[in-house]
N, C-alpha and C. Protein backbone atom coordinates (compact mmCIF):
# COMPACT_ATOMS: atom_id res chain seq x y z
N MET A 1 150.49 109.94 43.66
CA MET A 1 151.70 110.76 43.64
C MET A 1 152.77 110.18 42.73
N LEU A 2 152.94 108.85 42.75
CA LEU A 2 154.03 108.22 42.02
C LEU A 2 153.61 107.67 40.68
N SER A 3 152.33 107.83 40.30
CA SER A 3 151.86 107.18 39.07
C SER A 3 152.64 107.57 37.82
N PRO A 4 153.06 108.84 37.62
CA PRO A 4 153.82 109.16 36.41
C PRO A 4 155.22 108.56 36.41
N ILE A 5 155.72 108.17 37.57
CA ILE A 5 157.08 107.63 37.68
C ILE A 5 157.05 106.24 38.31
N SER A 6 155.93 105.53 38.11
CA SER A 6 155.72 104.25 38.78
C SER A 6 156.71 103.17 38.35
N GLU A 7 157.32 103.33 37.18
CA GLU A 7 158.29 102.32 36.75
C GLU A 7 159.49 102.29 37.68
N HIS A 8 159.75 103.38 38.37
CA HIS A 8 160.87 103.45 39.31
C HIS A 8 160.44 103.13 40.74
N PHE A 9 159.14 103.24 41.02
CA PHE A 9 158.64 103.07 42.39
C PHE A 9 157.41 102.16 42.39
N PRO A 10 157.57 100.86 42.15
CA PRO A 10 156.42 99.95 42.15
C PRO A 10 155.79 99.86 43.53
N CYS A 11 154.46 99.91 43.58
CA CYS A 11 153.74 99.92 44.85
C CYS A 11 152.89 98.66 45.02
N GLN A 12 152.81 98.19 46.25
CA GLN A 12 151.91 97.11 46.63
C GLN A 12 151.23 97.50 47.92
N ASN A 13 149.89 97.54 47.89
CA ASN A 13 149.11 97.90 49.08
C ASN A 13 149.55 99.23 49.68
N GLY A 14 149.89 100.17 48.81
CA GLY A 14 150.24 101.50 49.27
C GLY A 14 151.69 101.70 49.65
N TYR A 15 152.50 100.65 49.61
CA TYR A 15 153.91 100.74 49.97
C TYR A 15 154.79 100.55 48.74
N VAL A 16 155.86 101.35 48.66
CA VAL A 16 156.85 101.15 47.60
C VAL A 16 157.72 99.96 47.96
N ILE A 17 157.81 99.00 47.05
CA ILE A 17 158.65 97.82 47.25
C ILE A 17 159.60 97.73 46.06
N LEU A 18 160.84 98.08 46.30
CA LEU A 18 161.84 98.10 45.23
C LEU A 18 162.34 96.69 44.94
N THR A 19 162.69 96.45 43.68
CA THR A 19 163.30 95.19 43.28
C THR A 19 164.51 95.52 42.41
N ASP A 20 165.15 94.48 41.92
CA ASP A 20 166.31 94.71 41.03
C ASP A 20 165.90 94.74 39.57
N LYS A 21 164.58 94.84 39.31
CA LYS A 21 164.09 94.79 37.93
C LYS A 21 163.71 96.15 37.37
N GLN A 22 163.81 97.21 38.18
CA GLN A 22 163.42 98.53 37.67
C GLN A 22 164.44 99.07 36.67
N THR A 23 163.97 100.04 35.88
CA THR A 23 164.86 100.67 34.92
C THR A 23 165.89 101.54 35.64
N LYS A 24 166.95 101.89 34.93
CA LYS A 24 168.02 102.68 35.53
C LYS A 24 167.50 104.04 35.98
N PHE A 25 167.91 104.43 37.18
CA PHE A 25 167.45 105.68 37.77
C PHE A 25 168.51 106.76 37.60
N PRO A 26 168.10 108.03 37.38
CA PRO A 26 169.09 109.10 37.19
C PRO A 26 170.00 109.28 38.40
N LYS A 27 171.19 109.79 38.16
CA LYS A 27 172.12 110.07 39.25
C LYS A 27 171.59 111.22 40.10
N TYR A 28 171.94 111.17 41.38
CA TYR A 28 171.49 112.19 42.33
C TYR A 28 171.94 113.59 41.89
N ASN A 29 170.98 114.51 41.86
CA ASN A 29 171.21 115.92 41.53
C ASN A 29 171.64 116.16 40.08
N SER A 30 171.44 115.18 39.21
CA SER A 30 171.72 115.37 37.79
C SER A 30 170.55 116.09 37.12
N LYS A 31 170.74 116.53 35.87
CA LYS A 31 169.67 117.19 35.13
C LYS A 31 168.48 116.24 34.96
N GLU A 32 168.79 114.97 34.70
CA GLU A 32 167.72 113.99 34.52
C GLU A 32 166.96 113.77 35.83
N TYR A 33 167.67 113.85 36.94
CA TYR A 33 167.06 113.70 38.27
C TYR A 33 166.02 114.80 38.50
N PHE A 34 166.39 116.05 38.25
CA PHE A 34 165.47 117.16 38.46
C PHE A 34 164.34 117.16 37.43
N LYS A 35 164.62 116.68 36.23
CA LYS A 35 163.56 116.56 35.23
C LYS A 35 162.51 115.56 35.69
N LEU A 36 162.96 114.46 36.30
CA LEU A 36 162.03 113.45 36.80
C LEU A 36 161.23 113.99 37.98
N LEU A 37 161.84 114.84 38.80
CA LEU A 37 161.11 115.46 39.90
C LEU A 37 159.90 116.23 39.41
N LEU A 38 160.04 116.87 38.26
CA LEU A 38 158.95 117.68 37.71
C LEU A 38 157.78 116.83 37.24
N GLU A 39 158.01 115.53 37.04
CA GLU A 39 156.95 114.65 36.56
C GLU A 39 156.13 114.05 37.70
N ALA A 40 156.60 114.20 38.92
CA ALA A 40 155.90 113.60 40.06
C ALA A 40 154.68 114.44 40.45
N ASN A 41 153.63 113.78 40.89
CA ASN A 41 152.44 114.47 41.37
C ASN A 41 152.52 114.68 42.88
N THR A 42 151.74 115.62 43.38
CA THR A 42 151.65 115.85 44.82
C THR A 42 150.19 115.85 45.25
N ILE A 43 149.97 115.68 46.54
CA ILE A 43 148.62 115.71 47.10
C ILE A 43 148.54 116.88 48.07
N TYR A 44 147.63 117.81 47.80
CA TYR A 44 147.53 119.04 48.58
C TYR A 44 146.07 119.32 48.88
N HIS A 45 145.72 119.41 50.16
CA HIS A 45 144.37 119.75 50.58
C HIS A 45 144.36 121.20 51.08
N LYS A 46 143.54 122.02 50.49
CA LYS A 46 143.51 123.45 50.82
C LYS A 46 142.33 123.78 51.74
N ASP A 47 142.58 124.66 52.71
CA ASP A 47 141.54 125.19 53.61
C ASP A 47 140.78 124.08 54.32
N VAL A 48 141.51 123.23 55.02
CA VAL A 48 140.90 122.15 55.80
C VAL A 48 140.61 122.66 57.21
N GLN A 49 139.38 122.47 57.68
CA GLN A 49 139.03 122.94 59.02
C GLN A 49 139.72 122.09 60.08
N VAL A 50 140.30 122.76 61.07
CA VAL A 50 140.94 122.07 62.19
C VAL A 50 139.85 121.62 63.16
N LEU A 51 139.79 120.33 63.44
CA LEU A 51 138.75 119.78 64.31
C LEU A 51 139.29 119.32 65.66
N THR A 52 140.54 118.87 65.69
CA THR A 52 141.14 118.42 66.94
C THR A 52 142.59 118.89 67.01
N GLY A 53 143.21 118.63 68.14
CA GLY A 53 144.63 118.95 68.28
C GLY A 53 144.95 119.68 69.56
N HIS A 54 143.99 120.43 70.11
CA HIS A 54 144.23 121.14 71.37
C HIS A 54 144.23 120.14 72.52
N ARG A 55 145.32 120.10 73.27
CA ARG A 55 145.45 119.13 74.36
C ARG A 55 145.30 119.82 75.72
N THR A 56 144.54 119.17 76.60
CA THR A 56 144.40 119.64 77.97
C THR A 56 144.64 118.48 78.91
N LYS A 57 144.92 118.80 80.16
CA LYS A 57 145.13 117.77 81.17
C LYS A 57 143.80 117.35 81.77
N SER A 58 143.62 116.04 81.95
CA SER A 58 142.40 115.52 82.54
C SER A 58 142.77 114.48 83.59
N THR A 59 142.19 114.59 84.77
CA THR A 59 142.47 113.65 85.86
C THR A 59 141.33 112.65 85.96
N THR A 60 141.67 111.35 85.89
CA THR A 60 140.65 110.31 85.98
C THR A 60 140.37 109.99 87.44
N ALA A 61 139.11 109.69 87.73
CA ALA A 61 138.71 109.38 89.10
C ALA A 61 139.17 108.00 89.54
N LEU A 62 139.43 107.11 88.55
CA LEU A 62 139.76 105.73 88.88
C LEU A 62 141.07 105.61 89.64
N ASN A 63 142.11 106.19 89.14
CA ASN A 63 143.42 106.09 89.80
C ASN A 63 144.08 107.45 90.01
N ASN A 64 143.29 108.51 89.83
CA ASN A 64 143.79 109.87 90.04
C ASN A 64 144.99 110.20 89.16
N SER A 65 145.05 109.57 87.99
CA SER A 65 146.15 109.82 87.06
C SER A 65 145.78 110.96 86.12
N THR A 66 146.80 111.62 85.62
CA THR A 66 146.61 112.75 84.71
C THR A 66 147.04 112.37 83.31
N ASN A 67 146.17 112.60 82.33
CA ASN A 67 146.46 112.26 80.95
C ASN A 67 146.15 113.44 80.04
N ASP A 68 146.81 113.45 78.89
CA ASP A 68 146.48 114.44 77.87
C ASP A 68 145.20 114.04 77.16
N VAL A 69 144.31 114.98 76.99
CA VAL A 69 143.04 114.74 76.30
C VAL A 69 142.96 115.67 75.10
N ILE A 70 142.65 115.10 73.94
CA ILE A 70 142.48 115.90 72.73
C ILE A 70 141.04 116.39 72.66
N GLU A 71 140.87 117.69 72.61
CA GLU A 71 139.54 118.28 72.57
C GLU A 71 139.17 118.69 71.15
N LEU A 72 137.88 118.79 70.92
CA LEU A 72 137.40 119.29 69.64
C LEU A 72 137.64 120.79 69.54
N VAL A 73 137.95 121.24 68.34
CA VAL A 73 138.12 122.67 68.07
C VAL A 73 136.86 123.16 67.38
N ASN A 74 136.20 124.12 67.97
CA ASN A 74 134.89 124.55 67.47
C ASN A 74 134.94 125.82 66.63
N ASP A 75 136.13 126.27 66.27
CA ASP A 75 136.27 127.49 65.49
C ASP A 75 136.28 127.15 64.00
N PRO A 76 135.19 127.43 63.27
CA PRO A 76 135.13 127.07 61.84
C PRO A 76 136.09 127.89 60.98
N LYS A 77 136.63 128.96 61.53
CA LYS A 77 137.55 129.80 60.77
C LYS A 77 139.01 129.35 60.90
N GLN A 78 139.26 128.38 61.75
CA GLN A 78 140.63 127.89 61.91
C GLN A 78 140.91 126.85 60.82
N LEU A 79 141.61 127.28 59.79
CA LEU A 79 141.85 126.44 58.62
C LEU A 79 143.34 126.24 58.40
N VAL A 80 143.68 125.10 57.84
CA VAL A 80 145.07 124.82 57.46
C VAL A 80 145.07 124.16 56.09
N ASP A 81 146.21 124.20 55.44
CA ASP A 81 146.43 123.41 54.23
C ASP A 81 147.25 122.19 54.62
N GLN A 82 147.01 121.07 53.98
CA GLN A 82 147.74 119.84 54.28
C GLN A 82 148.43 119.33 53.03
N TYR A 83 149.70 118.98 53.19
CA TYR A 83 150.48 118.41 52.10
C TYR A 83 150.86 116.99 52.52
N PHE A 84 150.54 116.02 51.68
CA PHE A 84 150.77 114.61 52.02
C PHE A 84 152.02 114.08 51.32
N ALA A 85 152.91 113.51 52.09
CA ALA A 85 154.17 113.01 51.54
C ALA A 85 154.60 111.77 52.32
N SER A 86 155.51 111.03 51.72
CA SER A 86 156.05 109.85 52.39
C SER A 86 157.48 109.64 51.91
N ALA A 87 158.15 108.70 52.56
CA ALA A 87 159.53 108.37 52.22
C ALA A 87 159.62 106.87 51.97
N LEU A 88 160.78 106.43 51.52
CA LEU A 88 160.98 104.99 51.35
C LEU A 88 161.13 104.32 52.71
N ASN A 89 160.57 103.13 52.81
CA ASN A 89 160.72 102.32 54.02
C ASN A 89 162.05 101.59 53.97
N PHE A 90 162.91 101.85 54.95
CA PHE A 90 164.21 101.20 55.01
C PHE A 90 164.38 100.29 56.22
N SER A 91 163.43 100.30 57.15
CA SER A 91 163.69 99.56 58.38
C SER A 91 162.51 98.77 58.92
N GLN A 92 161.34 98.91 58.33
CA GLN A 92 160.15 98.27 58.87
C GLN A 92 159.85 96.98 58.12
N GLY A 93 160.04 95.84 58.79
CA GLY A 93 159.69 94.54 58.22
C GLY A 93 160.54 94.12 57.04
N LYS A 94 160.05 93.09 56.33
CA LYS A 94 160.78 92.56 55.18
C LYS A 94 160.86 93.59 54.05
N THR A 95 159.80 94.39 53.89
CA THR A 95 159.81 95.41 52.85
C THR A 95 160.97 96.38 53.04
N GLY A 96 161.20 96.77 54.28
CA GLY A 96 162.30 97.68 54.57
C GLY A 96 163.64 97.08 54.20
N ALA A 97 163.83 95.80 54.53
CA ALA A 97 165.08 95.13 54.20
C ALA A 97 165.25 95.00 52.69
N ASP A 98 164.16 94.67 51.99
CA ASP A 98 164.23 94.55 50.52
C ASP A 98 164.59 95.89 49.88
N ASN A 99 163.96 96.96 50.37
CA ASN A 99 164.26 98.28 49.82
C ASN A 99 165.71 98.68 50.08
N MET A 100 166.19 98.39 51.25
CA MET A 100 167.56 98.76 51.60
C MET A 100 168.57 98.08 50.68
N ASN A 101 168.28 96.85 50.29
CA ASN A 101 169.22 96.07 49.48
C ASN A 101 169.01 96.24 47.98
N ALA A 102 167.98 96.96 47.58
CA ALA A 102 167.70 97.14 46.15
C ALA A 102 168.70 98.10 45.52
N PRO A 103 169.00 97.91 44.22
CA PRO A 103 169.92 98.82 43.53
C PRO A 103 169.41 100.26 43.53
N GLN A 104 170.31 101.20 43.74
CA GLN A 104 170.02 102.64 43.69
C GLN A 104 168.96 103.06 44.72
N SER A 105 168.82 102.31 45.79
CA SER A 105 167.83 102.66 46.80
C SER A 105 168.16 103.98 47.49
N ASP A 106 169.45 104.29 47.61
CA ASP A 106 169.82 105.54 48.29
C ASP A 106 169.39 106.76 47.49
N VAL A 107 169.64 106.76 46.18
CA VAL A 107 169.27 107.92 45.37
C VAL A 107 167.75 108.01 45.24
N LYS A 108 167.05 106.88 45.25
CA LYS A 108 165.59 106.91 45.21
C LYS A 108 165.02 107.46 46.51
N ALA A 109 165.69 107.16 47.62
CA ALA A 109 165.25 107.72 48.90
C ALA A 109 165.44 109.24 48.90
N HIS A 110 166.58 109.71 48.39
CA HIS A 110 166.80 111.15 48.26
C HIS A 110 165.72 111.78 47.38
N PHE A 111 165.35 111.10 46.32
CA PHE A 111 164.34 111.61 45.40
C PHE A 111 163.01 111.80 46.11
N CYS A 112 162.58 110.81 46.89
CA CYS A 112 161.31 110.91 47.62
C CYS A 112 161.34 112.07 48.61
N LEU A 113 162.47 112.26 49.28
CA LEU A 113 162.58 113.36 50.23
C LEU A 113 162.58 114.71 49.52
N ASP A 114 163.27 114.80 48.39
CA ASP A 114 163.25 116.05 47.62
C ASP A 114 161.85 116.34 47.10
N MET A 115 161.17 115.30 46.65
CA MET A 115 159.80 115.46 46.16
C MET A 115 158.90 115.97 47.29
N ALA A 116 159.09 115.46 48.49
CA ALA A 116 158.27 115.86 49.63
C ALA A 116 158.49 117.32 50.00
N TYR A 117 159.74 117.68 50.23
CA TYR A 117 160.01 119.02 50.76
C TYR A 117 159.93 120.11 49.70
N GLN A 118 160.43 119.85 48.50
CA GLN A 118 160.29 120.87 47.46
C GLN A 118 158.82 121.03 47.08
N GLY A 119 158.09 119.93 47.12
CA GLY A 119 156.67 119.99 46.81
C GLY A 119 155.88 120.85 47.79
N VAL A 120 156.18 120.72 49.09
CA VAL A 120 155.42 121.49 50.07
C VAL A 120 155.77 122.98 49.98
N TYR A 121 157.03 123.30 49.71
CA TYR A 121 157.39 124.70 49.52
C TYR A 121 156.66 125.29 48.31
N LEU A 122 156.71 124.59 47.19
CA LEU A 122 156.07 125.10 45.98
C LEU A 122 154.56 125.21 46.13
N SER A 123 153.96 124.26 46.82
CA SER A 123 152.51 124.31 47.04
C SER A 123 152.14 125.51 47.91
N ALA A 124 152.91 125.75 48.97
CA ALA A 124 152.64 126.89 49.84
C ALA A 124 152.80 128.21 49.09
N ILE A 125 153.85 128.30 48.29
CA ILE A 125 154.08 129.53 47.51
C ILE A 125 152.97 129.74 46.49
N HIS A 126 152.57 128.66 45.82
CA HIS A 126 151.51 128.76 44.81
C HIS A 126 150.21 129.27 45.42
N HIS A 127 149.94 128.89 46.68
CA HIS A 127 148.70 129.30 47.33
C HIS A 127 148.91 130.52 48.24
N ASN A 128 150.05 131.19 48.06
CA ASN A 128 150.32 132.46 48.74
C ASN A 128 150.31 132.32 50.26
N ARG A 129 150.85 131.23 50.77
CA ARG A 129 150.91 131.02 52.22
C ARG A 129 152.17 131.66 52.79
N SER A 130 152.10 132.07 54.06
CA SER A 130 153.23 132.76 54.69
C SER A 130 154.01 131.87 55.65
N GLN A 131 153.45 130.72 56.02
CA GLN A 131 154.13 129.87 57.00
C GLN A 131 153.96 128.40 56.66
N ILE A 132 155.01 127.63 56.93
CA ILE A 132 154.99 126.18 56.71
C ILE A 132 155.41 125.48 58.00
N TYR A 133 154.74 124.39 58.33
CA TYR A 133 155.17 123.51 59.42
C TYR A 133 155.64 122.20 58.80
N LEU A 134 156.89 121.84 59.06
CA LEU A 134 157.47 120.63 58.52
C LEU A 134 157.67 119.58 59.60
N THR A 135 157.67 118.33 59.20
CA THR A 135 158.08 117.23 60.07
C THR A 135 159.23 116.49 59.39
N LEU A 136 159.84 115.57 60.12
CA LEU A 136 160.95 114.79 59.57
C LEU A 136 160.39 113.58 58.82
N VAL A 137 160.07 113.78 57.56
CA VAL A 137 159.47 112.72 56.74
C VAL A 137 160.43 111.53 56.63
N GLY A 138 159.94 110.35 56.99
CA GLY A 138 160.75 109.15 56.88
C GLY A 138 161.73 108.94 58.00
N GLY A 139 161.73 109.83 59.00
CA GLY A 139 162.72 109.74 60.07
C GLY A 139 162.32 108.88 61.24
N GLY A 140 161.12 108.30 61.20
CA GLY A 140 160.67 107.46 62.29
C GLY A 140 160.83 105.98 61.97
N ALA A 141 159.70 105.29 61.84
CA ALA A 141 159.73 103.84 61.62
C ALA A 141 160.38 103.44 60.30
N PHE A 142 160.39 104.35 59.32
CA PHE A 142 160.98 104.01 58.01
C PHE A 142 162.50 104.12 58.00
N GLY A 143 163.09 104.73 59.00
CA GLY A 143 164.53 104.67 59.18
C GLY A 143 165.38 105.41 58.17
N ASN A 144 164.88 106.48 57.58
CA ASN A 144 165.72 107.29 56.69
C ASN A 144 166.74 108.08 57.52
N PRO A 145 167.99 108.12 57.10
CA PRO A 145 169.01 108.86 57.86
C PRO A 145 168.62 110.33 58.01
N LYS A 146 168.80 110.86 59.21
CA LYS A 146 168.44 112.26 59.47
C LYS A 146 169.22 113.20 58.57
N GLU A 147 170.47 112.85 58.25
CA GLU A 147 171.28 113.71 57.39
C GLU A 147 170.65 113.86 56.02
N TRP A 148 170.06 112.79 55.48
CA TRP A 148 169.40 112.86 54.18
C TRP A 148 168.18 113.77 54.26
N ILE A 149 167.42 113.64 55.35
CA ILE A 149 166.21 114.44 55.51
C ILE A 149 166.56 115.93 55.57
N PHE A 150 167.58 116.26 56.35
CA PHE A 150 167.96 117.67 56.47
C PHE A 150 168.59 118.19 55.18
N ASP A 151 169.28 117.34 54.45
CA ASP A 151 169.79 117.75 53.14
C ASP A 151 168.63 118.20 52.24
N ALA A 152 167.54 117.42 52.26
CA ALA A 152 166.38 117.75 51.43
C ALA A 152 165.70 119.03 51.89
N ILE A 153 165.59 119.21 53.22
CA ILE A 153 164.96 120.42 53.75
C ILE A 153 165.77 121.66 53.38
N ILE A 154 167.08 121.59 53.61
CA ILE A 154 167.94 122.74 53.34
C ILE A 154 167.98 123.05 51.85
N SER A 155 168.00 122.01 51.02
CA SER A 155 168.00 122.21 49.57
C SER A 155 166.72 122.90 49.13
N ALA A 156 165.57 122.46 49.65
CA ALA A 156 164.29 123.08 49.30
C ALA A 156 164.25 124.53 49.76
N HIS A 157 164.77 124.78 50.95
CA HIS A 157 164.75 126.14 51.48
C HIS A 157 165.64 127.07 50.66
N HIS A 158 166.78 126.57 50.22
CA HIS A 158 167.66 127.37 49.37
C HIS A 158 166.98 127.73 48.05
N LYS A 159 166.23 126.77 47.49
CA LYS A 159 165.60 127.01 46.19
C LYS A 159 164.38 127.91 46.29
N TRP A 160 163.56 127.72 47.33
CA TRP A 160 162.24 128.35 47.34
C TRP A 160 161.97 129.22 48.56
N GLY A 161 162.91 129.30 49.51
CA GLY A 161 162.66 130.08 50.72
C GLY A 161 163.43 131.38 50.79
N VAL A 162 163.82 131.91 49.65
CA VAL A 162 164.61 133.15 49.63
C VAL A 162 163.76 134.31 50.15
N SER A 163 164.30 135.05 51.12
CA SER A 163 163.57 136.14 51.77
C SER A 163 163.18 137.22 50.77
N GLY A 164 161.89 137.61 50.82
CA GLY A 164 161.41 138.69 49.98
C GLY A 164 161.02 138.30 48.57
N MET A 165 161.30 137.06 48.19
CA MET A 165 161.02 136.63 46.82
C MET A 165 159.68 135.91 46.70
N THR A 166 159.14 135.43 47.83
CA THR A 166 157.87 134.71 47.82
C THR A 166 157.03 135.18 49.00
N SER A 167 155.87 134.55 49.17
CA SER A 167 154.98 134.89 50.28
C SER A 167 155.48 134.33 51.61
N LEU A 168 156.41 133.39 51.60
CA LEU A 168 156.85 132.73 52.83
C LEU A 168 157.58 133.68 53.76
N LYS A 169 157.22 133.63 55.05
CA LYS A 169 157.88 134.43 56.07
C LYS A 169 158.58 133.58 57.12
N LYS A 170 158.04 132.39 57.39
CA LYS A 170 158.65 131.54 58.41
C LYS A 170 158.36 130.08 58.13
N VAL A 171 159.35 129.24 58.40
CA VAL A 171 159.20 127.79 58.30
C VAL A 171 159.52 127.19 59.66
N THR A 172 158.61 126.38 60.18
CA THR A 172 158.81 125.75 61.49
C THR A 172 159.00 124.25 61.29
N LEU A 173 160.09 123.74 61.81
CA LEU A 173 160.37 122.30 61.76
C LEU A 173 160.05 121.71 63.12
N VAL A 174 159.03 120.87 63.19
CA VAL A 174 158.57 120.28 64.44
C VAL A 174 159.27 118.94 64.65
N CYS A 175 159.93 118.78 65.80
CA CYS A 175 160.63 117.53 66.13
C CYS A 175 160.17 117.04 67.50
N TRP A 176 159.91 115.76 67.61
CA TRP A 176 159.49 115.19 68.89
C TRP A 176 160.66 115.03 69.85
N ASN A 177 161.85 114.93 69.32
CA ASN A 177 163.04 114.71 70.14
C ASN A 177 164.14 115.62 69.64
N VAL A 178 164.69 116.43 70.52
CA VAL A 178 165.73 117.36 70.11
C VAL A 178 166.94 116.62 69.54
N GLU A 179 167.12 115.36 69.92
CA GLU A 179 168.23 114.57 69.40
C GLU A 179 168.03 114.21 67.93
N ASP A 180 166.82 114.44 67.41
CA ASP A 180 166.57 114.20 65.99
C ASP A 180 167.20 115.28 65.11
N ILE A 181 167.70 116.33 65.72
CA ILE A 181 168.29 117.43 64.97
C ILE A 181 169.81 117.31 65.03
N PRO A 182 170.46 116.82 64.00
CA PRO A 182 171.92 116.68 64.03
C PRO A 182 172.60 118.05 64.14
N ASN A 183 173.67 118.11 64.91
CA ASN A 183 174.42 119.36 65.02
C ASN A 183 174.94 119.81 63.66
N SER A 184 175.26 118.83 62.81
CA SER A 184 175.77 119.17 61.48
C SER A 184 174.72 119.92 60.66
N ALA A 185 173.43 119.57 60.84
CA ALA A 185 172.37 120.25 60.10
C ALA A 185 172.22 121.69 60.57
N VAL A 186 172.30 121.90 61.88
CA VAL A 186 172.21 123.26 62.42
C VAL A 186 173.36 124.11 61.90
N GLU A 187 174.57 123.55 61.92
CA GLU A 187 175.73 124.28 61.43
C GLU A 187 175.62 124.56 59.94
N GLN A 188 175.07 123.60 59.20
CA GLN A 188 174.90 123.78 57.76
C GLN A 188 173.95 124.93 57.46
N MET A 189 172.86 125.03 58.25
CA MET A 189 171.92 126.12 58.05
C MET A 189 172.55 127.46 58.40
N LYS A 190 173.31 127.49 59.49
CA LYS A 190 173.97 128.73 59.89
C LYS A 190 174.97 129.18 58.84
N GLN A 191 175.79 128.24 58.36
CA GLN A 191 176.80 128.57 57.36
C GLN A 191 176.18 128.98 56.03
N SER A 192 174.96 128.51 55.78
CA SER A 192 174.28 128.85 54.53
C SER A 192 173.56 130.20 54.61
N GLY A 193 173.61 130.83 55.78
CA GLY A 193 172.97 132.12 55.94
C GLY A 193 171.49 132.05 56.19
N ILE A 194 171.00 130.90 56.68
CA ILE A 194 169.58 130.74 56.98
C ILE A 194 169.34 131.16 58.43
N PRO A 195 168.62 132.26 58.70
CA PRO A 195 168.35 132.67 60.08
C PRO A 195 167.46 131.64 60.77
N LEU A 196 167.85 131.22 61.97
CA LEU A 196 167.05 130.20 62.65
C LEU A 196 167.00 130.47 64.15
N VAL A 197 165.94 129.96 64.78
CA VAL A 197 165.75 130.06 66.22
C VAL A 197 165.49 128.65 66.73
N LEU A 198 166.34 128.18 67.65
CA LEU A 198 166.18 126.84 68.21
C LEU A 198 165.29 126.91 69.44
N GLN A 199 164.23 126.11 69.44
CA GLN A 199 163.36 125.98 70.60
C GLN A 199 163.43 124.54 71.09
N LYS A 200 162.60 124.20 72.08
CA LYS A 200 162.70 122.88 72.69
C LYS A 200 162.39 121.76 71.72
N LYS A 201 161.34 121.93 70.93
CA LYS A 201 160.92 120.84 70.06
C LYS A 201 160.78 121.27 68.60
N TYR A 202 161.29 122.43 68.27
CA TYR A 202 161.17 122.84 66.87
C TYR A 202 162.23 123.87 66.53
N ILE A 203 162.41 124.06 65.23
CA ILE A 203 163.30 125.09 64.72
C ILE A 203 162.48 126.03 63.85
N ASP A 204 162.62 127.33 64.08
CA ASP A 204 162.04 128.33 63.18
C ASP A 204 163.15 128.87 62.31
N PHE A 205 162.97 128.85 61.01
CA PHE A 205 163.94 129.51 60.15
C PHE A 205 163.22 130.27 59.06
N LYS A 206 163.73 131.46 58.80
CA LYS A 206 163.10 132.36 57.84
C LYS A 206 163.79 132.24 56.50
N GLY A 207 163.34 133.04 55.56
CA GLY A 207 163.91 133.01 54.23
C GLY A 207 165.38 133.38 54.22
N LYS A 208 166.14 132.74 53.36
CA LYS A 208 167.56 133.05 53.24
C LYS A 208 167.71 134.47 52.71
N LYS A 209 168.59 135.25 53.34
CA LYS A 209 168.79 136.64 52.93
C LYS A 209 169.72 136.72 51.74
């Protein structure tokens, strides 16, 4: 994914480790910034058969406890597309600390998030898909601020989720914890004219009218 822009994102063992030796990075949201976005590669798997994911309750005889069990899915027609993305590590181990202290690490983090979310929208549109399921990329162990993540999601939706202009009909944002959704992000979507439905663990929002 990062090979065309590797001078800005050096990798070791699959992780980006920033230093103070990289070349100057474009300013956030500048023309050069968006030009660099176009040079990044993405990883997209089309028509992948769903094999697991359905959860049922199972009671063990040992201690009569109830656990979730993941069952196999035997329907060969149940297919999904998968888009692979990642964010900068800001909080996990020494690498996270090094990245946090590196020059221009904030704008590079924004870049990775923009690459992730704009990439998944464009990939879905290119393959004529009607629905996208998103997660909070970088919002867990890597410690990216939720506000940055939602900025990238809303920006991508404004650019590529316009109602009636593409095949997209609904975007679902899956969150494990409702507290992961900042009130400011919800208000920003409402003020931007993005129709949304808040559920227990996810947000559905359709194309901007």
